[in-house]
PDB file of N, CA and C in Angstrom:
ATOM      1  N   MET A   1       0.850  -1.178   0.000  1.00  0.00           N
ATOM      2  CA  MET A   1       0.000   0.000   0.000  1.00  0.00           C
ATOM      3  C   MET A   1       0.892   1.237   0.000  1.00  0.00           C
ATOM      4  N   ASN A   2       0.515   2.192  -0.805  1.00  0.00           N
ATOM      5  CA  ASN A   2       1.177   3.492  -0.780  1.00  0.00           C
ATOM      6  C   ASN A   2       0.489   4.323   0.291  1.00  0.00           C
ATOM      7  N   GLY A   3       1.029   4.289   1.489  1.00  0.00           N
ATOM      8  CA  GLY A   3       0.399   5.054   2.551  1.00  0.00           C
ATOM      9  C   GLY A   3       1.024   4.807   3.900  1.00  0.00           C
ATOM     10  N   ASN A   4       0.418   5.443   4.890  1.00  0.00           N
ATOM     11  CA  ASN A   4       0.916   5.390   6.248  1.00  0.00           C
ATOM     12  C   ASN A   4      -0.280   5.411   7.193  1.00  0.00           C
ATOM     13  N   LEU A   5      -0.241   4.568   8.205  1.00  0.00           N
ATOM     14  CA  LEU A   5      -1.323   4.478   9.179  1.00  0.00           C
ATOM     15  C   LEU A   5      -0.780   4.868  10.544  1.00  0.00           C
ATOM     16  N   ARG A   6      -1.503   5.765  11.215  1.00  0.00           N
ATOM     17  CA  ARG A   6      -1.083   6.142  12.565  1.00  0.00           C
ATOM     18  C   ARG A   6      -2.325   6.354  13.432  1.00  0.00           C
ATOM     19  N   VAL A   7      -2.151   6.105  14.712  1.00  0.00           N
ATOM     20  CA  VAL A   7      -3.226   6.297  15.678  1.00  0.00           C
ATOM     21  C   VAL A   7      -2.940   7.578  16.441  1.00  0.00           C
ATOM     22  N   GLU A   8      -3.937   8.452  16.475  1.00  0.00           N
ATOM     23  CA  GLU A   8      -3.837   9.717  17.203  1.00  0.00           C
ATOM     24  C   GLU A   8      -4.967   9.751  18.221  1.00  0.00           C
ATOM     25  N   GLY A   9      -4.693   9.275  19.418  1.00  0.00           N
ATOM     26  CA  GLY A   9      -5.727   9.195  20.448  1.00  0.00           C
ATOM     27  C   GLY A   9      -6.770   8.169  20.057  1.00  0.00           C
ATOM     28  N   GLU A  10      -8.020   8.607  19.951  1.00  0.00           N
ATOM     29  CA  GLU A  10      -9.127   7.720  19.578  1.00  0.00           C
ATOM     30  C   GLU A  10      -9.290   7.605  18.061  1.00  0.00           C
ATOM     31  N   GLN A  11      -8.512   8.363  17.330  1.00  0.00           N
ATOM     32  CA  GLN A  11      -8.679   8.466  15.881  1.00  0.00           C
ATOM     33  C   GLN A  11      -7.531   7.791  15.138  1.00  0.00           C
ATOM     34  N   VAL A  12      -7.887   7.131  14.045  1.00  0.00           N
ATOM     35  CA  VAL A  12      -6.888   6.555  13.149  1.00  0.00           C
ATOM     36  C   VAL A  12      -6.799   7.449  11.922  1.00  0.00           C
ATOM     37  N   VAL A  13      -5.575   7.763  11.511  1.00  0.00           N
ATOM     38  CA  VAL A  13      -5.358   8.564  10.304  1.00  0.00           C
ATOM     39  C   VAL A  13      -4.596   7.708   9.305  1.00  0.00           C
ATOM     40  N   LEU A  14      -5.201   7.503   8.152  1.00  0.00           N
ATOM     41  CA  LEU A  14      -4.561   6.754   7.076  1.00  0.00           C
ATOM     42  C   LEU A  14      -4.229   7.732   5.961  1.00  0.00           C
ATOM     43  N   THR A  15      -2.948   7.904   5.703  1.00  0.00           N
ATOM     44  CA  THR A  15      -2.491   8.759   4.612  1.00  0.00           C
ATOM     45  C   THR A  15      -2.256   7.873   3.400  1.00  0.00           C
ATOM     46  N   VAL A  16      -2.950   8.178   2.323  1.00  0.00           N
ATOM     47  CA  VAL A  16      -2.857   7.386   1.097  1.00  0.00           C
ATOM     48  C   VAL A  16      -2.038   8.174   0.081  1.00  0.00           C
ATOM     49  N   GLY A  17      -1.183   7.487  -0.676  1.00  0.00           N
ATOM     50  CA  GLY A  17      -0.386   8.140  -1.699  1.00  0.00           C
ATOM     51  C   GLY A  17      -0.564   7.476  -3.051  1.00  0.00           C
ATOM     52  N   GLY A  18      -0.238   8.191  -4.098  1.00  0.00           N
ATOM     53  CA  GLY A  18      -0.311   7.635  -5.451  1.00  0.00           C
ATOM     54  C   GLY A  18      -1.736   7.542  -5.959  1.00  0.00           C
ATOM     55  N   ASP A  19      -1.990   6.519  -6.734  1.00  0.00           N
ATOM     56  CA  ASP A  19      -3.322   6.286  -7.285  1.00  0.00           C
ATOM     57  C   ASP A  19      -4.137   5.449  -6.310  1.00  0.00           C
ATOM     58  N   PHE A  20      -5.357   5.890  -6.044  1.00  0.00           N
ATOM     59  CA  PHE A  20      -6.260   5.157  -5.153  1.00  0.00           C
ATOM     60  C   PHE A  20      -7.175   4.324  -6.045  1.00  0.00           C
ATOM     61  N   GLN A  21      -6.602   3.269  -6.579  1.00  0.00           N
ATOM     62  CA  GLN A  21      -7.322   2.375  -7.482  1.00  0.00           C
ATOM     63  C   GLN A  21      -6.601   1.038  -7.515  1.00  0.00           C
ATOM     64  N   GLY A  22      -7.240   0.031  -8.066  1.00  0.00           N
ATOM     65  CA  GLY A  22      -6.613  -1.277  -8.224  1.00  0.00           C
ATOM     66  C   GLY A  22      -6.057  -1.852  -6.945  1.00  0.00           C
ATOM     67  N   ARG A  23      -4.822  -2.324  -7.021  1.00  0.00           N
ATOM     68  CA  ARG A  23      -4.176  -2.991  -5.882  1.00  0.00           C
ATOM     69  C   ARG A  23      -4.027  -2.059  -4.683  1.00  0.00           C
ATOM     70  N   ASN A  24      -3.711  -0.807  -4.929  1.00  0.00           N
ATOM     71  CA  ASN A  24      -3.573   0.144  -3.827  1.00  0.00           C
ATOM     72  C   ASN A  24      -4.902   0.310  -3.087  1.00  0.00           C
ATOM     73  N   ALA A  25      -6.003   0.361  -3.820  1.00  0.00           N
ATOM     74  CA  ALA A  25      -7.322   0.476  -3.187  1.00  0.00           C
ATOM     75  C   ALA A  25      -7.624  -0.760  -2.348  1.00  0.00           C
ATOM     76  N   ALA A  26      -7.263  -1.933  -2.850  1.00  0.00           N
ATOM     77  CA  ALA A  26      -7.480  -3.169  -2.090  1.00  0.00           C
ATOM     78  C   ALA A  26      -6.654  -3.168  -0.811  1.00  0.00           C
ATOM     79  N   ASP A  27      -5.436  -2.687  -0.891  1.00  0.00           N
ATOM     80  CA  ASP A  27      -4.584  -2.603   0.297  1.00  0.00           C
ATOM     81  C   ASP A  27      -5.149  -1.607   1.311  1.00  0.00           C
ATOM     82  N   VAL A  28      -5.658  -0.489   0.830  1.00  0.00           N
ATOM     83  CA  VAL A  28      -6.271   0.501   1.715  1.00  0.00           C
ATOM     84  C   VAL A  28      -7.495  -0.112   2.386  1.00  0.00           C
ATOM     85  N   ARG A  29      -8.318  -0.805   1.610  1.00  0.00           N
ATOM     86  CA  ARG A  29      -9.502  -1.475   2.169  1.00  0.00           C
ATOM     87  C   ARG A  29      -9.101  -2.425   3.291  1.00  0.00           C
ATOM     88  N   ASP A  30      -8.087  -3.246   3.036  1.00  0.00           N
ATOM     89  CA  ASP A  30      -7.635  -4.209   4.044  1.00  0.00           C
ATOM     90  C   ASP A  30      -7.157  -3.511   5.313  1.00  0.00           C
ATOM     91  N   ALA A  31      -6.427  -2.415   5.160  1.00  0.00           N
ATOM     92  CA  ALA A  31      -5.937  -1.663   6.321  1.00  0.00           C
ATOM     93  C   ALA A  31      -7.099  -1.060   7.109  1.00  0.00           C
ATOM     94  N   LEU A  32      -8.101  -0.543   6.400  1.00  0.00           N
ATOM     95  CA  LEU A  32      -9.251   0.054   7.072  1.00  0.00           C
ATOM     96  C   LEU A  32     -10.099  -1.003   7.771  1.00  0.00           C
ATOM     97  N   ILE A  33     -10.267  -2.151   7.158  1.00  0.00           N
ATOM     98  CA  ILE A  33     -11.014  -3.237   7.794  1.00  0.00           C
ATOM     99  C   ILE A  33     -10.306  -3.696   9.060  1.00  0.00           C
ATOM    100  N   GLU A  34      -8.992  -3.768   9.007  1.00  0.00           N
ATOM    101  CA  GLU A  34      -8.225  -4.137  10.200  1.00  0.00           C
ATOM    102  C   GLU A  34      -8.437  -3.111  11.316  1.00  0.00           C
ATOM    103  N   CYS A  35      -8.503  -1.841  10.955  1.00  0.00           N
ATOM    104  CA  CYS A  35      -8.787  -0.800  11.953  1.00  0.00           C
ATOM    105  C   CYS A  35     -10.146  -1.038  12.609  1.00  0.00           C
ATOM    106  N   LEU A  36     -11.145  -1.349  11.799  1.00  0.00           N
ATOM    107  CA  LEU A  36     -12.479  -1.627  12.332  1.00  0.00           C
ATOM    108  C   LEU A  36     -12.452  -2.832  13.259  1.00  0.00           C
ATOM    109  N   GLN A  37     -11.760  -3.875  12.847  1.00  0.00           N
ATOM    110  CA  GLN A  37     -11.674  -5.086  13.659  1.00  0.00           C
ATOM    111  C   GLN A  37     -10.953  -4.840  14.977  1.00  0.00           C
ATOM    112  N   ASN A  38     -10.079  -3.845  14.995  1.00  0.00           N
ATOM    113  CA  ASN A  38      -9.355  -3.494  16.218  1.00  0.00           C
ATOM    114  C   ASN A  38     -10.127  -2.497  17.083  1.00  0.00           C
ATOM    115  N   GLY A  39     -11.363  -2.203  16.683  1.00  0.00           N
ATOM    116  CA  GLY A  39     -12.229  -1.362  17.505  1.00  0.00           C
ATOM    117  C   GLY A  39     -12.147   0.125  17.254  1.00  0.00           C
ATOM    118  N   HIS A  40     -11.484   0.538  16.190  1.00  0.00           N
ATOM    119  CA  HIS A  40     -11.398   1.968  15.865  1.00  0.00           C
ATOM    120  C   HIS A  40     -12.641   2.378  15.072  1.00  0.00           C
ATOM    121  N   HIS A  41     -13.337   3.397  15.568  1.00  0.00           N
ATOM    122  CA  HIS A  41     -14.565   3.834  14.915  1.00  0.00           C
ATOM    123  C   HIS A  41     -14.512   5.281  14.448  1.00  0.00           C
ATOM    124  N   SER A  42     -13.354   5.877  14.533  1.00  0.00           N
ATOM    125  CA  SER A  42     -13.153   7.230  14.016  1.00  0.00           C
ATOM    126  C   SER A  42     -11.916   7.197  13.122  1.00  0.00           C
ATOM    127  N   ILE A  43     -12.161   7.302  11.825  1.00  0.00           N
ATOM    128  CA  ILE A  43     -11.085   7.139  10.848  1.00  0.00           C
ATOM    129  C   ILE A  43     -11.038   8.350   9.922  1.00  0.00           C
ATOM    130  N   VAL A  44      -9.833   8.856   9.727  1.00  0.00           N
ATOM    131  CA  VAL A  44      -9.594   9.939   8.774  1.00  0.00           C
ATOM    132  C   VAL A  44      -8.737   9.374   7.651  1.00  0.00           C
ATOM    133  N   VAL A  45      -9.172   9.577   6.417  1.00  0.00           N
ATOM    134  CA  VAL A  45      -8.373   9.188   5.260  1.00  0.00           C
ATOM    135  C   VAL A  45      -7.844  10.473   4.636  1.00  0.00           C
ATOM    136  N   ASP A  46      -6.532  10.600   4.649  1.00  0.00           N
ATOM    137  CA  ASP A  46      -5.866  11.785   4.103  1.00  0.00           C
ATOM    138  C   ASP A  46      -5.498  11.511   2.648  1.00  0.00           C
ATOM    139  N   LEU A  47      -6.117  12.261   1.745  1.00  0.00           N
ATOM    140  CA  LEU A  47      -5.935  12.066   0.306  1.00  0.00           C
ATOM    141  C   LEU A  47      -4.997  13.103  -0.315  1.00  0.00           C
ATOM    142  N   THR A  48      -4.258  13.819   0.505  1.00  0.00           N
ATOM    143  CA  THR A  48      -3.388  14.891   0.016  1.00  0.00           C
ATOM    144  C   THR A  48      -2.453  14.421  -1.091  1.00  0.00           C
ATOM    145  N   ASP A  49      -1.883  13.228  -0.945  1.00  0.00           N
ATOM    146  CA  ASP A  49      -0.897  12.725  -1.905  1.00  0.00           C
ATOM    147  C   ASP A  49      -1.492  11.788  -2.956  1.00  0.00           C
ATOM    148  N   VAL A  50      -2.824  11.758  -3.067  1.00  0.00           N
ATOM    149  CA  VAL A  50      -3.481  10.904  -4.063  1.00  0.00           C
ATOM    150  C   VAL A  50      -3.603  11.672  -5.374  1.00  0.00           C
ATOM    151  N   SER A  51      -3.126  11.056  -6.437  1.00  0.00           N
ATOM    152  CA  SER A  51      -3.163  11.714  -7.747  1.00  0.00           C
ATOM    153  C   SER A  51      -4.398  11.342  -8.561  1.00  0.00           C
ATOM    154  N   ALA A  52      -5.010  10.186  -8.263  1.00  0.00           N
ATOM    155  CA  ALA A  52      -6.192   9.749  -9.008  1.00  0.00           C
ATOM    156  C   ALA A  52      -6.982   8.761  -8.166  1.00  0.00           C
ATOM    157  N   ILE A  53      -8.295   8.725  -8.394  1.00  0.00           N
ATOM    158  CA  ILE A  53      -9.167   7.761  -7.736  1.00  0.00           C
ATOM    159  C   ILE A  53     -10.156   7.262  -8.778  1.00  0.00           C
ATOM    160  N   ASN A  54     -10.510   5.983  -8.697  1.00  0.00           N
ATOM    161  CA  ASN A  54     -11.497   5.438  -9.630  1.00  0.00           C
ATOM    162  C   ASN A  54     -12.627   4.787  -8.836  1.00  0.00           C
ATOM    163  N   ALA A  55     -13.493   4.058  -9.531  1.00  0.00           N
ATOM    164  CA  ALA A  55     -14.652   3.440  -8.888  1.00  0.00           C
ATOM    165  C   ALA A  55     -14.247   2.474  -7.780  1.00  0.00           C
ATOM    166  N   THR A  56     -13.125   1.799  -7.941  1.00  0.00           N
ATOM    167  CA  THR A  56     -12.666   0.875  -6.909  1.00  0.00           C
ATOM    168  C   THR A  56     -12.334   1.637  -5.631  1.00  0.00           C
ATOM    169  N   GLY A  57     -11.598   2.719  -5.750  1.00  0.00           N
ATOM    170  CA  GLY A  57     -11.256   3.540  -4.587  1.00  0.00           C
ATOM    171  C   GLY A  57     -12.488   4.146  -3.939  1.00  0.00           C
ATOM    172  N   LEU A  58     -13.409   4.655  -4.760  1.00  0.00           N
ATOM    173  CA  LEU A  58     -14.651   5.211  -4.226  1.00  0.00           C
ATOM    174  C   LEU A  58     -15.456   4.134  -3.503  1.00  0.00           C
ATOM    175  N   GLY A  59     -15.479   2.941  -4.083  1.00  0.00           N
ATOM    176  CA  GLY A  59     -16.195   1.825  -3.465  1.00  0.00           C
ATOM    177  C   GLY A  59     -15.644   1.476  -2.093  1.00  0.00           C
ATOM    178  N   VAL A  60     -14.334   1.526  -1.956  1.00  0.00           N
ATOM    179  CA  VAL A  60     -13.700   1.267  -0.654  1.00  0.00           C
ATOM    180  C   VAL A  60     -14.190   2.294   0.361  1.00  0.00           C
ATOM    181  N   LEU A  61     -14.161   3.563  -0.004  1.00  0.00           N
ATOM    182  CA  LEU A  61     -14.579   4.615   0.920  1.00  0.00           C
ATOM    183  C   LEU A  61     -16.051   4.474   1.299  1.00  0.00           C
ATOM    184  N   ILE A  62     -16.893   4.176   0.321  1.00  0.00           N
ATOM    185  CA  ILE A  62     -18.325   4.018   0.586  1.00  0.00           C
ATOM    186  C   ILE A  62     -18.575   2.836   1.517  1.00  0.00           C
ATOM    187  N   SER A  63     -17.945   1.701   1.247  1.00  0.00           N
ATOM    188  CA  SER A  63     -18.196   0.511   2.079  1.00  0.00           C
ATOM    189  C   SER A  63     -17.697   0.711   3.505  1.00  0.00           C
ATOM    190  N   ILE A  64     -16.551   1.350   3.674  1.00  0.00           N
ATOM    191  CA  ILE A  64     -16.035   1.602   5.023  1.00  0.00           C
ATOM    192  C   ILE A  64     -16.930   2.605   5.747  1.00  0.00           C
ATOM    193  N   GLN A  65     -17.385   3.620   5.030  1.00  0.00           N
ATOM    194  CA  GLN A  65     -18.278   4.592   5.657  1.00  0.00           C
ATOM    195  C   GLN A  65     -19.567   3.913   6.131  1.00  0.00           C
ATOM    196  N   GLN A  66     -20.126   3.033   5.316  1.00  0.00           N
ATOM    197  CA  GLN A  66     -21.348   2.335   5.699  1.00  0.00           C
ATOM    198  C   GLN A  66     -21.124   1.461   6.931  1.00  0.00           C
ATOM    199  N   ARG A  67     -19.997   0.780   6.977  1.00  0.00           N
ATOM    200  CA  ARG A  67     -19.686  -0.045   8.152  1.00  0.00           C
ATOM    201  C   ARG A  67     -19.551   0.817   9.398  1.00  0.00           C
ATOM    202  N   LEU A  68     -18.859   1.939   9.254  1.00  0.00           N
ATOM    203  CA  LEU A  68     -18.675   2.825  10.402  1.00  0.00           C
ATOM    204  C   LEU A  68     -20.001   3.412  10.873  1.00  0.00           C
ATOM    205  N   GLU A  69     -20.866   3.794   9.947  1.00  0.00           N
ATOM    206  CA  GLU A  69     -22.172   4.336  10.326  1.00  0.00           C
ATOM    207  C   GLU A  69     -22.969   3.317  11.126  1.00  0.00           C
ATOM    208  N   SER A  70     -22.882   2.046  10.753  1.00  0.00           N
ATOM    209  CA  SER A  70     -23.614   1.005  11.485  1.00  0.00           C
ATOM    210  C   SER A  70     -23.054   0.803  12.892  1.00  0.00           C
ATOM    211  N   LEU A  71     -21.832   1.276  13.126  1.00  0.00           N
ATOM    212  CA  LEU A  71     -21.187   1.178  14.438  1.00  0.00           C
ATOM    213  C   LEU A  71     -21.192   2.524  15.167  1.00  0.00           C
ATOM    214  N   ASP A  72     -21.981   3.480  14.657  1.00  0.00           N
ATOM    215  CA  ASP A  72     -21.996   4.848  15.170  1.00  0.00           C
ATOM    216  C   ASP A  72     -20.620   5.495  15.103  1.00  0.00           C
ATOM    217  N   GLY A  73     -19.874   5.130  14.074  1.00  0.00           N
ATOM    218  CA  GLY A  73     -18.545   5.697  13.864  1.00  0.00           C
ATOM    219  C   GLY A  73     -18.569   6.749  12.780  1.00  0.00           C
ATOM    220  N   LYS A  74     -17.377   7.181  12.399  1.00  0.00           N
ATOM    221  CA  LYS A  74     -17.291   8.256  11.402  1.00  0.00           C
ATOM    222  C   LYS A  74     -16.047   8.097  10.541  1.00  0.00           C
ATOM    223  N   LEU A  75     -16.247   8.287   9.245  1.00  0.00           N
ATOM    224  CA  LEU A  75     -15.148   8.350   8.284  1.00  0.00           C
ATOM    225  C   LEU A  75     -15.072   9.784   7.778  1.00  0.00           C
ATOM    226  N   SER A  76     -13.896  10.372   7.869  1.00  0.00           N
ATOM    227  CA  SER A  76     -13.678  11.729   7.372  1.00  0.00           C
ATOM    228  C   SER A  76     -12.594  11.698   6.310  1.00  0.00           C
ATOM    229  N   LEU A  77     -12.740  12.568   5.327  1.00  0.00           N
ATOM    230  CA  LEU A  77     -11.722  12.717   4.292  1.00  0.00           C
ATOM    231  C   LEU A  77     -11.068  14.077   4.457  1.00  0.00           C
ATOM    232  N   GLN A  78      -9.771  14.116   4.254  1.00  0.00           N
ATOM    233  CA  GLN A  78      -9.071  15.398   4.254  1.00  0.00           C
ATOM    234  C   GLN A  78      -8.080  15.413   3.103  1.00  0.00           C
ATOM    235  N   GLY A  79      -7.672  16.610   2.720  1.00  0.00           N
ATOM    236  CA  GLY A  79      -6.694  16.763   1.650  1.00  0.00           C
ATOM    237  C   GLY A  79      -7.232  16.442   0.271  1.00  0.00           C
ATOM    238  N   VAL A  80      -8.526  16.692   0.051  1.00  0.00           N
ATOM    239  CA  VAL A  80      -9.136  16.414  -1.253  1.00  0.00           C
ATOM    240  C   VAL A  80      -8.785  17.559  -2.200  1.00  0.00           C
ATOM    241  N   ASN A  81      -7.916  17.269  -3.177  1.00  0.00           N
ATOM    242  CA  ASN A  81      -7.506  18.310  -4.126  1.00  0.00           C
ATOM    243  C   ASN A  81      -8.604  18.554  -5.168  1.00  0.00           C
ATOM    244  N   ASN A  82      -8.415  19.549  -6.017  1.00  0.00           N
ATOM    245  CA  ASN A  82      -9.440  19.915  -7.000  1.00  0.00           C
ATOM    246  C   ASN A  82      -9.762  18.785  -7.966  1.00  0.00           C
ATOM    247  N   SER A  83      -8.755  18.043  -8.384  1.00  0.00           N
ATOM    248  CA  SER A  83      -8.967  16.933  -9.311  1.00  0.00           C
ATOM    249  C   SER A  83      -9.848  15.859  -8.676  1.00  0.00           C
ATOM    250  N   LEU A  84      -9.542  15.504  -7.439  1.00  0.00           N
ATOM    251  CA  LEU A  84     -10.356  14.503  -6.742  1.00  0.00           C
ATOM    252  C   LEU A  84     -11.748  15.047  -6.449  1.00  0.00           C
ATOM    253  N   LYS A  85     -11.821  16.323  -6.103  1.00  0.00           N
ATOM    254  CA  LYS A  85     -13.118  16.930  -5.810  1.00  0.00           C
ATOM    255  C   LYS A  85     -14.043  16.832  -7.018  1.00  0.00           C
ATOM    256  N   GLN A  86     -13.491  16.999  -8.212  1.00  0.00           N
ATOM    257  CA  GLN A  86     -14.304  16.877  -9.424  1.00  0.00           C
ATOM    258  C   GLN A  86     -14.883  15.471  -9.560  1.00  0.00           C
ATOM    259  N   VAL A  87     -14.096  14.458  -9.200  1.00  0.00           N
ATOM    260  CA  VAL A  87     -14.592  13.075  -9.247  1.00  0.00           C
ATOM    261  C   VAL A  87     -15.737  12.907  -8.251  1.00  0.00           C
ATOM    262  N   PHE A  88     -15.565  13.421  -7.042  1.00  0.00           N
ATOM    263  CA  PHE A  88     -16.619  13.321  -6.031  1.00  0.00           C
ATOM    264  C   PHE A  88     -17.863  14.089  -6.468  1.00  0.00           C
ATOM    265  N   GLU A  89     -17.682  15.219  -7.136  1.00  0.00           N
ATOM    266  CA  GLU A  89     -18.822  15.993  -7.637  1.00  0.00           C
ATOM    267  C   GLU A  89     -19.550  15.242  -8.742  1.00  0.00           C
ATOM    268  N   ARG A  90     -18.789  14.684  -9.699  1.00  0.00           N
ATOM    269  CA  ARG A  90     -19.403  13.958 -10.821  1.00  0.00           C
ATOM    270  C   ARG A  90     -20.178  12.737 -10.349  1.00  0.00           C
ATOM    271  N   THR A  91     -19.702  12.118  -9.283  1.00  0.00           N
ATOM    272  CA  THR A  91     -20.361  10.915  -8.767  1.00  0.00           C
ATOM    273  C   THR A  91     -21.371  11.244  -7.671  1.00  0.00           C
ATOM    274  N   ARG A  92     -21.558  12.531  -7.422  1.00  0.00           N
ATOM    275  CA  ARG A  92     -22.510  13.020  -6.421  1.00  0.00           C
ATOM    276  C   ARG A  92     -22.223  12.482  -5.018  1.00  0.00           C
ATOM    277  N   LEU A  93     -20.942  12.369  -4.712  1.00  0.00           N
ATOM    278  CA  LEU A  93     -20.533  11.871  -3.400  1.00  0.00           C
ATOM    279  C   LEU A  93     -20.009  12.976  -2.484  1.00  0.00           C
ATOM    280  N   CYS A  94     -20.025  14.215  -2.958  1.00  0.00           N
ATOM    281  CA  CYS A  94     -19.534  15.323  -2.122  1.00  0.00           C
ATOM    282  C   CYS A  94     -20.308  15.405  -0.812  1.00  0.00           C
ATOM    283  N   GLN A  95     -21.615  15.347  -0.907  1.00  0.00           N
ATOM    284  CA  GLN A  95     -22.435  15.456   0.293  1.00  0.00           C
ATOM    285  C   GLN A  95     -22.241  14.239   1.197  1.00  0.00           C
ATOM    286  N   THR A  96     -22.100  13.081   0.597  1.00  0.00           N
ATOM    287  CA  THR A  96     -21.902  11.854   1.366  1.00  0.00           C
ATOM    288  C   THR A  96     -20.678  11.955   2.257  1.00  0.00           C
ATOM    289  N   PHE A  97     -19.617  12.554   1.737  1.00  0.00           N
ATOM    290  CA  PHE A  97     -18.363  12.634   2.472  1.00  0.00           C
ATOM    291  C   PHE A  97     -18.084  14.028   3.036  1.00  0.00           C
ATOM    292  N   GLY A  98     -19.047  14.933   2.921  1.00  0.00           N
ATOM    293  CA  GLY A  98     -18.875  16.264   3.490  1.00  0.00           C
ATOM    294  C   GLY A  98     -17.779  17.081   2.835  1.00  0.00           C
ATOM    295  N   ILE A  99     -17.681  16.971   1.517  1.00  0.00           N
ATOM    296  CA  ILE A  99     -16.640  17.696   0.772  1.00  0.00           C
ATOM    297  C   ILE A  99     -17.221  19.000   0.255  1.00  0.00           C
TER     298      ILE A  99
END
């Protein structure tokens, strides 16, 4: 995975780098699922260093958000650049993720 995972108090911050698609998206999904299994219900995904995202990456974010909502948790996104914001706008996911 192109990224870094750190725990800051009650919150987990996952910094993702490169393209958030394909194998990298699967690795991010696995890391986030492990966080959930370890009892973390507040997760921030930092997309500052992400150059592209596709349906696979969006699917990972949606599925993790749904799991967290069922646990009264929260998924937050930060560092969404203009290019990524356009993808979220085109897919009508801005409101879903509070962008």
